[in-house]
Amino acid sequence: MTDRSNEQTRYACPYCASVFESYEAIKAHVLADHGEEPLPEPEDTIHITVNGQKYTMQVEPEWTLHYLIHDQLGLTGTKLMCDHGACGSCTVILNGKAVLSCMTLALECDGKILETVEGIAAAGHPLIEEYVKHHCMQCGYCTPGFVVTAKAMLDRNPDPDEKQIRAALGGNLCRCGTYPQHPKAILASAKKLKPEAGSQ
């Protein structure tokens, strides 16, 4: 058993890391030297914008982005099928790029902009309607990942051909085998998104 009776508690300033021998000393230091500064944020705090809404959250080092948005924010549209980055069902758009949320740490997302399938639906993106119209799902579990991947592709390439669509969706798996319907829905969505289509 370690004898700690002679150990003295020391206090480190959260602003400048100066060390003090007593609570009263650090209190006086903070009030005198840092009284006008905002309170320091807790360790592992991130600022993230999700579907247009800003969040400040304290996260654990092991949290994935999927855990943050699905379990902490309640955005359950982002699915988790394989948990190994192999199926695409957890895809989200992070700073304009499709990423696998199960393979991304929440801590890496500080200051970033995130879009989930809920945000795509709330914005009235034609992908949602066209996916329904073209019967692109059976069980529907993988569908959010396909929709998010397709949206990221259309943001980057608004006029894709079928070959480009198939290449973009190559990382998304569907147990029900609805693959032939996805390009049809995406091509129809691209057509609706063209400027001349909106002016008619």
N, C-alpha and C. Protein backbone atom coordinates (compact mmCIF):
# COMPACT_ATOMS: atom_id res chain seq x y z
N MET A 1 0.85 -1.20 0.00
CA MET A 1 0.00 0.00 0.00
C MET A 1 0.89 1.25 0.00
N THR A 2 0.57 2.21 -0.89
CA THR A 2 1.38 3.42 -1.00
C THR A 2 0.95 4.44 0.04
N ASP A 3 1.93 4.99 0.74
CA ASP A 3 1.65 6.03 1.72
C ASP A 3 1.60 7.38 1.02
N ARG A 4 0.42 8.00 1.00
CA ARG A 4 0.25 9.30 0.33
C ARG A 4 0.08 10.43 1.34
N SER A 5 0.36 10.17 2.58
CA SER A 5 0.10 11.18 3.62
C SER A 5 0.95 12.43 3.46
N ASN A 6 2.13 12.28 2.85
CA ASN A 6 3.02 13.45 2.70
C ASN A 6 2.87 14.15 1.35
N GLU A 7 2.01 13.59 0.49
CA GLU A 7 1.82 14.22 -0.81
C GLU A 7 0.99 15.49 -0.68
N GLN A 8 1.35 16.49 -1.45
CA GLN A 8 0.64 17.77 -1.40
C GLN A 8 -0.15 17.96 -2.69
N THR A 9 -1.41 18.37 -2.53
CA THR A 9 -2.25 18.61 -3.70
C THR A 9 -1.81 19.90 -4.37
N ARG A 10 -1.68 19.85 -5.68
CA ARG A 10 -1.33 21.05 -6.45
C ARG A 10 -2.44 21.33 -7.45
N TYR A 11 -2.54 22.57 -7.84
CA TYR A 11 -3.63 23.01 -8.71
C TYR A 11 -3.05 23.64 -9.99
N ALA A 12 -3.46 23.16 -11.13
CA ALA A 12 -2.99 23.69 -12.41
C ALA A 12 -4.05 24.61 -13.00
N CYS A 13 -3.62 25.77 -13.42
CA CYS A 13 -4.54 26.73 -14.03
C CYS A 13 -5.03 26.19 -15.38
N PRO A 14 -6.35 26.16 -15.61
CA PRO A 14 -6.86 25.65 -16.88
C PRO A 14 -6.60 26.59 -18.06
N TYR A 15 -6.20 27.81 -17.79
CA TYR A 15 -5.93 28.76 -18.86
C TYR A 15 -4.46 28.74 -19.31
N CYS A 16 -3.54 28.79 -18.34
CA CYS A 16 -2.13 28.92 -18.70
C CYS A 16 -1.25 27.80 -18.16
N ALA A 17 -1.85 26.85 -17.43
CA ALA A 17 -1.15 25.68 -16.88
C ALA A 17 -0.17 26.01 -15.76
N SER A 18 -0.21 27.23 -15.23
CA SER A 18 0.61 27.54 -14.06
C SER A 18 0.15 26.69 -12.88
N VAL A 19 1.09 26.28 -12.02
CA VAL A 19 0.78 25.38 -10.91
C VAL A 19 0.83 26.16 -9.59
N PHE A 20 -0.17 25.88 -8.71
CA PHE A 20 -0.27 26.57 -7.43
C PHE A 20 -0.41 25.55 -6.31
N GLU A 21 0.04 25.98 -5.13
CA GLU A 21 0.08 25.07 -3.98
C GLU A 21 -1.27 24.96 -3.27
N SER A 22 -2.15 25.92 -3.47
CA SER A 22 -3.43 25.88 -2.75
C SER A 22 -4.57 26.33 -3.66
N TYR A 23 -5.77 25.96 -3.24
CA TYR A 23 -6.96 26.35 -3.98
C TYR A 23 -7.12 27.88 -3.96
N GLU A 24 -6.86 28.48 -2.83
CA GLU A 24 -7.00 29.93 -2.72
C GLU A 24 -6.03 30.65 -3.65
N ALA A 25 -4.84 30.11 -3.80
CA ALA A 25 -3.84 30.73 -4.68
C ALA A 25 -4.27 30.66 -6.15
N ILE A 26 -4.75 29.52 -6.57
CA ILE A 26 -5.17 29.42 -7.97
C ILE A 26 -6.43 30.26 -8.21
N LYS A 27 -7.31 30.32 -7.24
CA LYS A 27 -8.52 31.14 -7.36
C LYS A 27 -8.15 32.62 -7.55
N ALA A 28 -7.21 33.09 -6.74
CA ALA A 28 -6.77 34.48 -6.84
C ALA A 28 -6.10 34.74 -8.19
N HIS A 29 -5.30 33.79 -8.65
CA HIS A 29 -4.63 33.91 -9.95
C HIS A 29 -5.64 34.00 -11.09
N VAL A 30 -6.61 33.10 -11.10
CA VAL A 30 -7.61 33.08 -12.18
C VAL A 30 -8.39 34.38 -12.20
N LEU A 31 -8.82 34.84 -11.04
CA LEU A 31 -9.60 36.08 -10.98
C LEU A 31 -8.78 37.28 -11.43
N ALA A 32 -7.50 37.29 -11.05
CA ALA A 32 -6.65 38.44 -11.38
C ALA A 32 -6.19 38.43 -12.83
N ASP A 33 -5.79 37.26 -13.33
CA ASP A 33 -5.17 37.20 -14.65
C ASP A 33 -6.09 36.73 -15.77
N HIS A 34 -7.15 36.04 -15.41
CA HIS A 34 -8.02 35.47 -16.45
C HIS A 34 -9.50 35.78 -16.23
N GLY A 35 -9.76 36.72 -15.36
CA GLY A 35 -11.15 37.02 -15.00
C GLY A 35 -12.03 37.45 -16.15
N GLU A 36 -11.44 38.05 -17.18
CA GLU A 36 -12.22 38.54 -18.30
C GLU A 36 -12.33 37.51 -19.43
N GLU A 37 -11.63 36.40 -19.30
CA GLU A 37 -11.64 35.38 -20.35
C GLU A 37 -12.83 34.44 -20.18
N PRO A 38 -13.34 33.89 -21.28
CA PRO A 38 -14.43 32.92 -21.16
C PRO A 38 -13.95 31.65 -20.47
N LEU A 39 -14.88 30.92 -19.90
CA LEU A 39 -14.52 29.67 -19.23
C LEU A 39 -13.93 28.69 -20.24
N PRO A 40 -12.87 27.99 -19.87
CA PRO A 40 -12.31 27.01 -20.80
C PRO A 40 -13.27 25.85 -21.01
N GLU A 41 -13.28 25.33 -22.21
CA GLU A 41 -14.16 24.20 -22.49
C GLU A 41 -13.56 22.92 -21.91
N PRO A 42 -14.43 21.98 -21.53
CA PRO A 42 -13.92 20.70 -21.06
C PRO A 42 -13.11 20.00 -22.15
N GLU A 43 -12.22 19.13 -21.72
CA GLU A 43 -11.43 18.37 -22.67
C GLU A 43 -12.34 17.53 -23.56
N ASP A 44 -11.92 17.34 -24.81
CA ASP A 44 -12.67 16.53 -25.79
C ASP A 44 -14.02 17.14 -26.14
N THR A 45 -14.07 18.47 -26.18
CA THR A 45 -15.28 19.15 -26.64
C THR A 45 -15.15 19.43 -28.14
N ILE A 46 -16.21 19.15 -28.89
CA ILE A 46 -16.20 19.44 -30.31
C ILE A 46 -17.37 20.35 -30.66
N HIS A 47 -17.18 21.10 -31.74
CA HIS A 47 -18.24 21.93 -32.31
C HIS A 47 -18.54 21.36 -33.70
N ILE A 48 -19.76 20.98 -33.92
CA ILE A 48 -20.12 20.34 -35.19
C ILE A 48 -21.49 20.84 -35.64
N THR A 49 -21.63 21.03 -36.94
CA THR A 49 -22.92 21.43 -37.52
C THR A 49 -23.54 20.21 -38.19
N VAL A 50 -24.73 19.83 -37.73
CA VAL A 50 -25.41 18.65 -38.24
C VAL A 50 -26.74 19.08 -38.86
N ASN A 51 -26.86 18.87 -40.17
CA ASN A 51 -28.08 19.25 -40.89
C ASN A 51 -28.48 20.70 -40.63
N GLY A 52 -27.46 21.56 -40.59
CA GLY A 52 -27.70 22.99 -40.43
C GLY A 52 -27.79 23.46 -38.98
N GLN A 53 -27.80 22.55 -38.03
CA GLN A 53 -27.90 22.92 -36.62
C GLN A 53 -26.54 22.76 -35.95
N LYS A 54 -26.15 23.78 -35.19
CA LYS A 54 -24.84 23.76 -34.53
C LYS A 54 -24.94 23.07 -33.17
N TYR A 55 -23.95 22.23 -32.87
CA TYR A 55 -23.88 21.53 -31.60
C TYR A 55 -22.49 21.73 -30.99
N THR A 56 -22.47 21.86 -29.67
CA THR A 56 -21.23 21.79 -28.90
C THR A 56 -21.38 20.59 -27.98
N MET A 57 -20.50 19.60 -28.15
CA MET A 57 -20.66 18.35 -27.43
C MET A 57 -19.34 17.89 -26.84
N GLN A 58 -19.41 17.32 -25.65
CA GLN A 58 -18.25 16.68 -25.06
C GLN A 58 -18.31 15.20 -25.41
N VAL A 59 -17.28 14.70 -26.06
CA VAL A 59 -17.30 13.33 -26.56
C VAL A 59 -16.19 12.51 -25.91
N GLU A 60 -16.36 11.23 -25.92
CA GLU A 60 -15.33 10.31 -25.41
C GLU A 60 -14.36 9.97 -26.54
N PRO A 61 -13.11 9.69 -26.22
CA PRO A 61 -12.12 9.42 -27.27
C PRO A 61 -12.48 8.25 -28.19
N GLU A 62 -13.22 7.26 -27.66
CA GLU A 62 -13.53 6.08 -28.47
C GLU A 62 -14.83 6.20 -29.26
N TRP A 63 -15.57 7.28 -29.10
CA TRP A 63 -16.84 7.42 -29.81
C TRP A 63 -16.61 7.54 -31.31
N THR A 64 -17.38 6.78 -32.07
CA THR A 64 -17.38 6.97 -33.51
C THR A 64 -18.37 8.06 -33.87
N LEU A 65 -18.26 8.55 -35.08
CA LEU A 65 -19.23 9.54 -35.56
C LEU A 65 -20.62 8.93 -35.61
N HIS A 66 -20.70 7.64 -35.98
CA HIS A 66 -22.01 6.98 -36.00
C HIS A 66 -22.64 6.98 -34.61
N TYR A 67 -21.86 6.66 -33.59
CA TYR A 67 -22.40 6.65 -32.22
C TYR A 67 -22.88 8.04 -31.82
N LEU A 68 -22.14 9.05 -32.21
CA LEU A 68 -22.51 10.43 -31.86
C LEU A 68 -23.85 10.81 -32.47
N ILE A 69 -24.01 10.56 -33.77
CA ILE A 69 -25.24 11.04 -34.42
C ILE A 69 -26.42 10.09 -34.17
N HIS A 70 -26.16 8.80 -34.09
CA HIS A 70 -27.25 7.83 -33.93
C HIS A 70 -27.70 7.73 -32.47
N ASP A 71 -26.75 7.55 -31.57
CA ASP A 71 -27.09 7.30 -30.17
C ASP A 71 -27.15 8.56 -29.31
N GLN A 72 -26.37 9.57 -29.63
CA GLN A 72 -26.38 10.78 -28.84
C GLN A 72 -27.35 11.84 -29.37
N LEU A 73 -27.41 11.99 -30.70
CA LEU A 73 -28.30 12.99 -31.29
C LEU A 73 -29.64 12.40 -31.73
N GLY A 74 -29.74 11.08 -31.75
CA GLY A 74 -31.01 10.45 -32.09
C GLY A 74 -31.35 10.46 -33.56
N LEU A 75 -30.36 10.65 -34.42
CA LEU A 75 -30.60 10.63 -35.87
C LEU A 75 -30.42 9.18 -36.34
N THR A 76 -31.48 8.41 -36.24
CA THR A 76 -31.40 6.97 -36.43
C THR A 76 -31.45 6.54 -37.89
N GLY A 77 -31.54 7.48 -38.81
CA GLY A 77 -31.52 7.13 -40.23
C GLY A 77 -30.19 6.56 -40.66
N THR A 78 -29.11 6.95 -39.98
CA THR A 78 -27.79 6.43 -40.30
C THR A 78 -27.65 5.05 -39.67
N LYS A 79 -27.57 4.02 -40.49
CA LYS A 79 -27.61 2.65 -40.00
C LYS A 79 -26.21 2.09 -39.74
N LEU A 80 -26.19 0.97 -39.05
CA LEU A 80 -24.93 0.28 -38.76
C LEU A 80 -25.15 -1.21 -39.04
N MET A 81 -24.65 -1.67 -40.17
CA MET A 81 -24.87 -3.06 -40.54
C MET A 81 -23.63 -3.92 -40.28
N CYS A 82 -22.46 -3.47 -40.75
CA CYS A 82 -21.28 -4.33 -40.63
C CYS A 82 -20.32 -3.88 -39.54
N ASP A 83 -20.28 -2.57 -39.24
CA ASP A 83 -19.37 -2.00 -38.25
C ASP A 83 -17.89 -2.20 -38.60
N HIS A 84 -17.62 -2.46 -39.88
CA HIS A 84 -16.24 -2.66 -40.31
C HIS A 84 -15.91 -1.85 -41.56
N GLY A 85 -16.74 -0.89 -41.91
CA GLY A 85 -16.47 -0.06 -43.08
C GLY A 85 -16.62 -0.77 -44.40
N ALA A 86 -17.44 -1.84 -44.43
CA ALA A 86 -17.53 -2.64 -45.65
C ALA A 86 -18.88 -2.58 -46.35
N CYS A 87 -19.90 -1.94 -45.74
CA CYS A 87 -21.24 -2.04 -46.33
C CYS A 87 -21.82 -0.71 -46.80
N GLY A 88 -21.37 0.41 -46.26
CA GLY A 88 -21.85 1.72 -46.69
C GLY A 88 -23.15 2.17 -46.05
N SER A 89 -23.75 1.37 -45.18
CA SER A 89 -25.05 1.76 -44.61
C SER A 89 -24.94 2.94 -43.64
N CYS A 90 -23.75 3.21 -43.15
CA CYS A 90 -23.57 4.30 -42.19
C CYS A 90 -23.04 5.58 -42.85
N THR A 91 -23.13 5.67 -44.17
CA THR A 91 -22.54 6.80 -44.89
C THR A 91 -23.21 8.12 -44.52
N VAL A 92 -22.40 9.14 -44.30
CA VAL A 92 -22.86 10.51 -44.09
C VAL A 92 -21.99 11.42 -44.96
N ILE A 93 -22.39 12.67 -45.09
CA ILE A 93 -21.60 13.65 -45.84
C ILE A 93 -20.91 14.57 -44.84
N LEU A 94 -19.59 14.56 -44.86
CA LEU A 94 -18.79 15.36 -43.93
C LEU A 94 -17.95 16.34 -44.73
N ASN A 95 -18.25 17.63 -44.55
CA ASN A 95 -17.57 18.69 -45.33
C ASN A 95 -17.63 18.39 -46.82
N GLY A 96 -18.79 17.94 -47.28
CA GLY A 96 -19.02 17.73 -48.71
C GLY A 96 -18.56 16.40 -49.25
N LYS A 97 -18.01 15.54 -48.41
CA LYS A 97 -17.50 14.26 -48.88
C LYS A 97 -18.21 13.11 -48.17
N ALA A 98 -18.58 12.07 -48.93
CA ALA A 98 -19.21 10.89 -48.34
C ALA A 98 -18.17 10.13 -47.52
N VAL A 99 -18.48 9.87 -46.24
CA VAL A 99 -17.57 9.12 -45.38
C VAL A 99 -18.36 8.07 -44.62
N LEU A 100 -17.66 7.06 -44.14
CA LEU A 100 -18.26 6.01 -43.33
C LEU A 100 -18.22 6.45 -41.87
N SER A 101 -19.38 6.66 -41.28
CA SER A 101 -19.40 7.18 -39.91
C SER A 101 -18.93 6.15 -38.89
N CYS A 102 -18.99 4.86 -39.23
CA CYS A 102 -18.51 3.84 -38.29
C CYS A 102 -16.99 3.80 -38.22
N MET A 103 -16.32 4.39 -39.21
CA MET A 103 -14.86 4.38 -39.27
C MET A 103 -14.25 5.75 -38.98
N THR A 104 -15.09 6.69 -38.56
CA THR A 104 -14.65 8.06 -38.30
C THR A 104 -14.84 8.37 -36.83
N LEU A 105 -13.81 8.84 -36.16
CA LEU A 105 -13.93 9.20 -34.76
C LEU A 105 -14.63 10.55 -34.62
N ALA A 106 -15.49 10.65 -33.62
CA ALA A 106 -16.19 11.91 -33.38
C ALA A 106 -15.22 13.06 -33.12
N LEU A 107 -14.10 12.76 -32.43
CA LEU A 107 -13.11 13.80 -32.12
C LEU A 107 -12.51 14.42 -33.37
N GLU A 108 -12.52 13.68 -34.49
CA GLU A 108 -11.95 14.18 -35.73
C GLU A 108 -12.88 15.18 -36.43
N CYS A 109 -14.08 15.35 -35.90
CA CYS A 109 -15.10 16.13 -36.60
C CYS A 109 -15.29 17.53 -36.05
N ASP A 110 -14.39 17.97 -35.19
CA ASP A 110 -14.50 19.31 -34.63
C ASP A 110 -14.45 20.36 -35.74
N GLY A 111 -15.44 21.26 -35.74
CA GLY A 111 -15.48 22.34 -36.71
C GLY A 111 -16.02 21.95 -38.07
N LYS A 112 -16.51 20.73 -38.21
CA LYS A 112 -16.94 20.26 -39.53
C LYS A 112 -18.45 20.33 -39.70
N ILE A 113 -18.87 20.21 -40.96
CA ILE A 113 -20.28 20.28 -41.32
C ILE A 113 -20.73 18.90 -41.76
N LEU A 114 -21.79 18.42 -41.15
CA LEU A 114 -22.27 17.05 -41.37
C LEU A 114 -23.68 17.08 -41.93
N GLU A 115 -23.92 16.19 -42.88
CA GLU A 115 -25.27 16.03 -43.44
C GLU A 115 -25.64 14.56 -43.39
N THR A 116 -26.83 14.27 -42.85
CA THR A 116 -27.33 12.90 -42.77
C THR A 116 -28.55 12.76 -43.69
N VAL A 117 -29.08 11.55 -43.75
CA VAL A 117 -30.25 11.32 -44.60
C VAL A 117 -31.44 12.15 -44.13
N GLU A 118 -31.53 12.43 -42.82
CA GLU A 118 -32.62 13.27 -42.32
C GLU A 118 -32.54 14.67 -42.89
N GLY A 119 -31.31 15.21 -42.99
CA GLY A 119 -31.13 16.54 -43.57
C GLY A 119 -31.47 16.57 -45.05
N ILE A 120 -31.11 15.51 -45.75
CA ILE A 120 -31.42 15.42 -47.19
C ILE A 120 -32.92 15.39 -47.40
N ALA A 121 -33.62 14.60 -46.57
CA ALA A 121 -35.08 14.52 -46.67
C ALA A 121 -35.74 15.86 -46.31
N ALA A 122 -35.25 16.49 -45.23
CA ALA A 122 -35.85 17.76 -44.79
C ALA A 122 -35.68 18.86 -45.84
N ALA A 123 -34.61 18.76 -46.63
CA ALA A 123 -34.36 19.77 -47.66
C ALA A 123 -35.20 19.53 -48.92
N GLY A 124 -35.96 18.43 -48.94
CA GLY A 124 -36.80 18.14 -50.10
C GLY A 124 -36.03 17.70 -51.33
N HIS A 125 -34.90 17.04 -51.12
CA HIS A 125 -34.10 16.58 -52.26
C HIS A 125 -34.88 15.56 -53.07
N PRO A 126 -34.85 15.66 -54.40
CA PRO A 126 -35.63 14.73 -55.24
C PRO A 126 -35.23 13.26 -55.10
N LEU A 127 -34.06 12.98 -54.55
CA LEU A 127 -33.65 11.59 -54.36
C LEU A 127 -34.66 10.81 -53.53
N ILE A 128 -35.23 11.45 -52.53
CA ILE A 128 -36.16 10.75 -51.65
C ILE A 128 -37.38 10.28 -52.44
N GLU A 129 -37.99 11.19 -53.18
CA GLU A 129 -39.17 10.84 -53.97
C GLU A 129 -38.84 9.81 -55.05
N GLU A 130 -37.71 9.98 -55.71
CA GLU A 130 -37.36 9.07 -56.80
C GLU A 130 -36.99 7.67 -56.29
N TYR A 131 -36.41 7.60 -55.12
CA TYR A 131 -36.12 6.29 -54.54
C TYR A 131 -37.40 5.53 -54.24
N VAL A 132 -38.42 6.24 -53.79
CA VAL A 132 -39.72 5.60 -53.55
C VAL A 132 -40.37 5.22 -54.88
N LYS A 133 -40.36 6.14 -55.81
CA LYS A 133 -41.02 5.93 -57.10
C LYS A 133 -40.42 4.76 -57.87
N HIS A 134 -39.11 4.57 -57.75
CA HIS A 134 -38.43 3.51 -58.51
C HIS A 134 -38.21 2.23 -57.70
N HIS A 135 -38.86 2.14 -56.54
CA HIS A 135 -38.82 0.92 -55.72
C HIS A 135 -37.38 0.47 -55.47
N CYS A 136 -36.60 1.36 -54.91
CA CYS A 136 -35.17 1.09 -54.70
C CYS A 136 -34.89 0.34 -53.41
N MET A 137 -35.91 -0.08 -52.69
CA MET A 137 -35.67 -0.77 -51.44
C MET A 137 -36.67 -1.90 -51.25
N GLN A 138 -36.23 -2.88 -50.47
CA GLN A 138 -37.15 -3.90 -49.97
C GLN A 138 -37.21 -3.76 -48.45
N CYS A 139 -36.19 -4.26 -47.75
CA CYS A 139 -36.20 -4.07 -46.30
C CYS A 139 -35.91 -2.62 -45.94
N GLY A 140 -35.13 -1.92 -46.76
CA GLY A 140 -34.87 -0.50 -46.56
C GLY A 140 -33.72 -0.17 -45.63
N TYR A 141 -33.09 -1.19 -45.04
CA TYR A 141 -32.04 -0.90 -44.06
C TYR A 141 -30.84 -0.20 -44.68
N CYS A 142 -30.48 -0.58 -45.90
CA CYS A 142 -29.31 0.00 -46.55
C CYS A 142 -29.63 1.31 -47.27
N THR A 143 -30.91 1.60 -47.43
CA THR A 143 -31.33 2.72 -48.29
C THR A 143 -30.73 4.07 -47.88
N PRO A 144 -30.72 4.44 -46.58
CA PRO A 144 -30.13 5.74 -46.24
C PRO A 144 -28.70 5.90 -46.72
N GLY A 145 -27.91 4.83 -46.62
CA GLY A 145 -26.53 4.91 -47.08
C GLY A 145 -26.43 5.15 -48.57
N PHE A 146 -27.29 4.48 -49.35
CA PHE A 146 -27.33 4.69 -50.79
C PHE A 146 -27.73 6.13 -51.11
N VAL A 147 -28.76 6.63 -50.44
CA VAL A 147 -29.26 7.99 -50.71
C VAL A 147 -28.18 9.02 -50.40
N VAL A 148 -27.50 8.87 -49.27
CA VAL A 148 -26.46 9.83 -48.88
C VAL A 148 -25.29 9.77 -49.86
N THR A 149 -24.88 8.56 -50.24
CA THR A 149 -23.80 8.42 -51.22
C THR A 149 -24.18 9.05 -52.55
N ALA A 150 -25.43 8.82 -52.98
CA ALA A 150 -25.91 9.38 -54.24
C ALA A 150 -25.95 10.91 -54.17
N LYS A 151 -26.37 11.45 -53.04
CA LYS A 151 -26.44 12.91 -52.88
C LYS A 151 -25.05 13.53 -52.96
N ALA A 152 -24.07 12.90 -52.29
CA ALA A 152 -22.70 13.40 -52.35
C ALA A 152 -22.17 13.36 -53.78
N MET A 153 -22.52 12.31 -54.53
CA MET A 153 -22.07 12.21 -55.91
C MET A 153 -22.70 13.29 -56.79
N LEU A 154 -24.01 13.51 -56.61
CA LEU A 154 -24.70 14.52 -57.40
C LEU A 154 -24.21 15.93 -57.08
N ASP A 155 -23.81 16.16 -55.84
CA ASP A 155 -23.23 17.46 -55.48
C ASP A 155 -21.92 17.68 -56.24
N ARG A 156 -21.18 16.61 -56.43
CA ARG A 156 -19.89 16.68 -57.12
C ARG A 156 -20.04 16.60 -58.63
N ASN A 157 -20.99 15.79 -59.09
CA ASN A 157 -21.20 15.55 -60.52
C ASN A 157 -22.70 15.58 -60.80
N PRO A 158 -23.25 16.74 -61.13
CA PRO A 158 -24.71 16.86 -61.29
C PRO A 158 -25.27 16.19 -62.54
N ASP A 159 -24.42 15.74 -63.43
CA ASP A 159 -24.91 15.12 -64.66
C ASP A 159 -24.16 13.80 -64.92
N PRO A 160 -24.34 12.80 -64.04
CA PRO A 160 -23.59 11.56 -64.19
C PRO A 160 -24.24 10.62 -65.21
N ASP A 161 -23.45 9.71 -65.74
CA ASP A 161 -24.03 8.63 -66.55
C ASP A 161 -24.13 7.39 -65.66
N GLU A 162 -24.73 6.33 -66.21
CA GLU A 162 -24.99 5.15 -65.39
C GLU A 162 -23.70 4.51 -64.89
N LYS A 163 -22.68 4.52 -65.71
CA LYS A 163 -21.40 3.93 -65.32
C LYS A 163 -20.81 4.67 -64.12
N GLN A 164 -20.89 6.00 -64.12
CA GLN A 164 -20.38 6.80 -63.01
C GLN A 164 -21.19 6.56 -61.75
N ILE A 165 -22.49 6.39 -61.91
CA ILE A 165 -23.35 6.13 -60.76
C ILE A 165 -22.99 4.79 -60.13
N ARG A 166 -22.84 3.77 -60.96
CA ARG A 166 -22.49 2.45 -60.44
C ARG A 166 -21.14 2.47 -59.72
N ALA A 167 -20.20 3.23 -60.25
CA ALA A 167 -18.89 3.35 -59.61
C ALA A 167 -19.01 4.04 -58.25
N ALA A 168 -19.82 5.09 -58.19
CA ALA A 168 -19.99 5.84 -56.94
C ALA A 168 -20.65 4.99 -55.86
N LEU A 169 -21.57 4.12 -56.26
CA LEU A 169 -22.30 3.29 -55.30
C LEU A 169 -21.59 1.98 -55.00
N GLY A 170 -20.38 1.81 -55.53
CA GLY A 170 -19.67 0.54 -55.39
C GLY A 170 -19.42 0.11 -53.96
N GLY A 171 -19.38 1.03 -53.03
CA GLY A 171 -19.12 0.67 -51.64
C GLY A 171 -20.36 0.42 -50.82
N ASN A 172 -21.54 0.51 -51.43
CA ASN A 172 -22.80 0.31 -50.72
C ASN A 172 -23.37 -1.07 -51.06
N LEU A 173 -23.68 -1.86 -50.05
CA LEU A 173 -24.19 -3.21 -50.24
C LEU A 173 -25.68 -3.29 -49.88
N CYS A 174 -26.40 -4.13 -50.63
CA CYS A 174 -27.83 -4.33 -50.41
C CYS A 174 -28.12 -5.82 -50.38
N ARG A 175 -28.57 -6.33 -49.24
CA ARG A 175 -28.86 -7.76 -49.13
C ARG A 175 -30.06 -8.16 -49.98
N CYS A 176 -30.95 -7.21 -50.24
CA CYS A 176 -32.16 -7.51 -51.01
C CYS A 176 -31.93 -7.47 -52.52
N GLY A 177 -30.79 -6.97 -52.95
CA GLY A 177 -30.44 -6.98 -54.37
C GLY A 177 -31.18 -6.00 -55.23
N THR A 178 -31.41 -4.79 -54.72
CA THR A 178 -32.16 -3.78 -55.50
C THR A 178 -31.25 -2.93 -56.39
N TYR A 179 -30.05 -3.39 -56.65
CA TYR A 179 -29.05 -2.60 -57.38
C TYR A 179 -29.53 -2.00 -58.71
N PRO A 180 -30.29 -2.72 -59.55
CA PRO A 180 -30.66 -2.15 -60.85
C PRO A 180 -31.52 -0.89 -60.75
N GLN A 181 -32.21 -0.70 -59.62
CA GLN A 181 -33.13 0.42 -59.50
C GLN A 181 -32.44 1.72 -59.10
N HIS A 182 -31.32 1.64 -58.47
CA HIS A 182 -30.65 2.85 -57.96
C HIS A 182 -30.23 3.81 -59.08
N PRO A 183 -29.58 3.35 -60.13
CA PRO A 183 -29.22 4.29 -61.20
C PRO A 183 -30.43 4.99 -61.81
N LYS A 184 -31.54 4.27 -61.94
CA LYS A 184 -32.75 4.88 -62.50
C LYS A 184 -33.22 6.04 -61.64
N ALA A 185 -33.26 5.83 -60.33
CA ALA A 185 -33.70 6.89 -59.42
C ALA A 185 -32.74 8.07 -59.42
N ILE A 186 -31.46 7.78 -59.48
CA ILE A 186 -30.46 8.85 -59.43
C ILE A 186 -30.48 9.66 -60.72
N LEU A 187 -30.61 8.99 -61.85
CA LEU A 187 -30.70 9.71 -63.13
C LEU A 187 -31.94 10.60 -63.16
N ALA A 188 -33.06 10.10 -62.64
CA ALA A 188 -34.28 10.91 -62.58
C ALA A 188 -34.10 12.10 -61.66
N SER A 189 -33.39 11.90 -60.54
CA SER A 189 -33.13 13.01 -59.62
C SER A 189 -32.23 14.05 -60.26
N ALA A 190 -31.21 13.59 -60.98
CA ALA A 190 -30.30 14.52 -61.65
C ALA A 190 -31.06 15.37 -62.67
N LYS A 191 -31.99 14.74 -63.35
CA LYS A 191 -32.78 15.48 -64.33
C LYS A 191 -33.61 16.56 -63.66
N LYS A 192 -34.19 16.25 -62.50
CA LYS A 192 -34.99 17.23 -61.77
C LYS A 192 -34.13 18.38 -61.23
N LEU A 193 -32.87 18.09 -60.95
CA LEU A 193 -31.99 19.10 -60.36
C LEU A 193 -31.40 20.06 -61.38
N LYS A 194 -31.54 19.74 -62.67
CA LYS A 194 -30.98 20.62 -63.70
C LYS A 194 -31.70 21.97 -63.65
N PRO A 195 -30.96 23.06 -63.83
CA PRO A 195 -31.57 24.41 -63.75
C PRO A 195 -32.76 24.58 -64.66
N GLU A 196 -32.69 24.04 -65.88
CA GLU A 196 -33.81 24.23 -66.80
C GLU A 196 -35.05 23.50 -66.34
N ALA A 197 -34.83 22.39 -65.54
CA ALA A 197 -35.98 21.65 -65.04
C ALA A 197 -36.72 22.46 -64.00
N GLY A 198 -35.96 23.20 -63.18
CA GLY A 198 -36.59 24.00 -62.15
C GLY A 198 -37.32 25.21 -62.67
N SER A 199 -37.01 25.65 -63.88
CA SER A 199 -37.64 26.86 -64.42
C SER A 199 -38.93 26.55 -65.18
N GLN A 200 -39.21 25.26 -65.40
CA GLN A 200 -40.41 24.89 -66.15
C GLN A 200 -41.64 24.91 -65.28
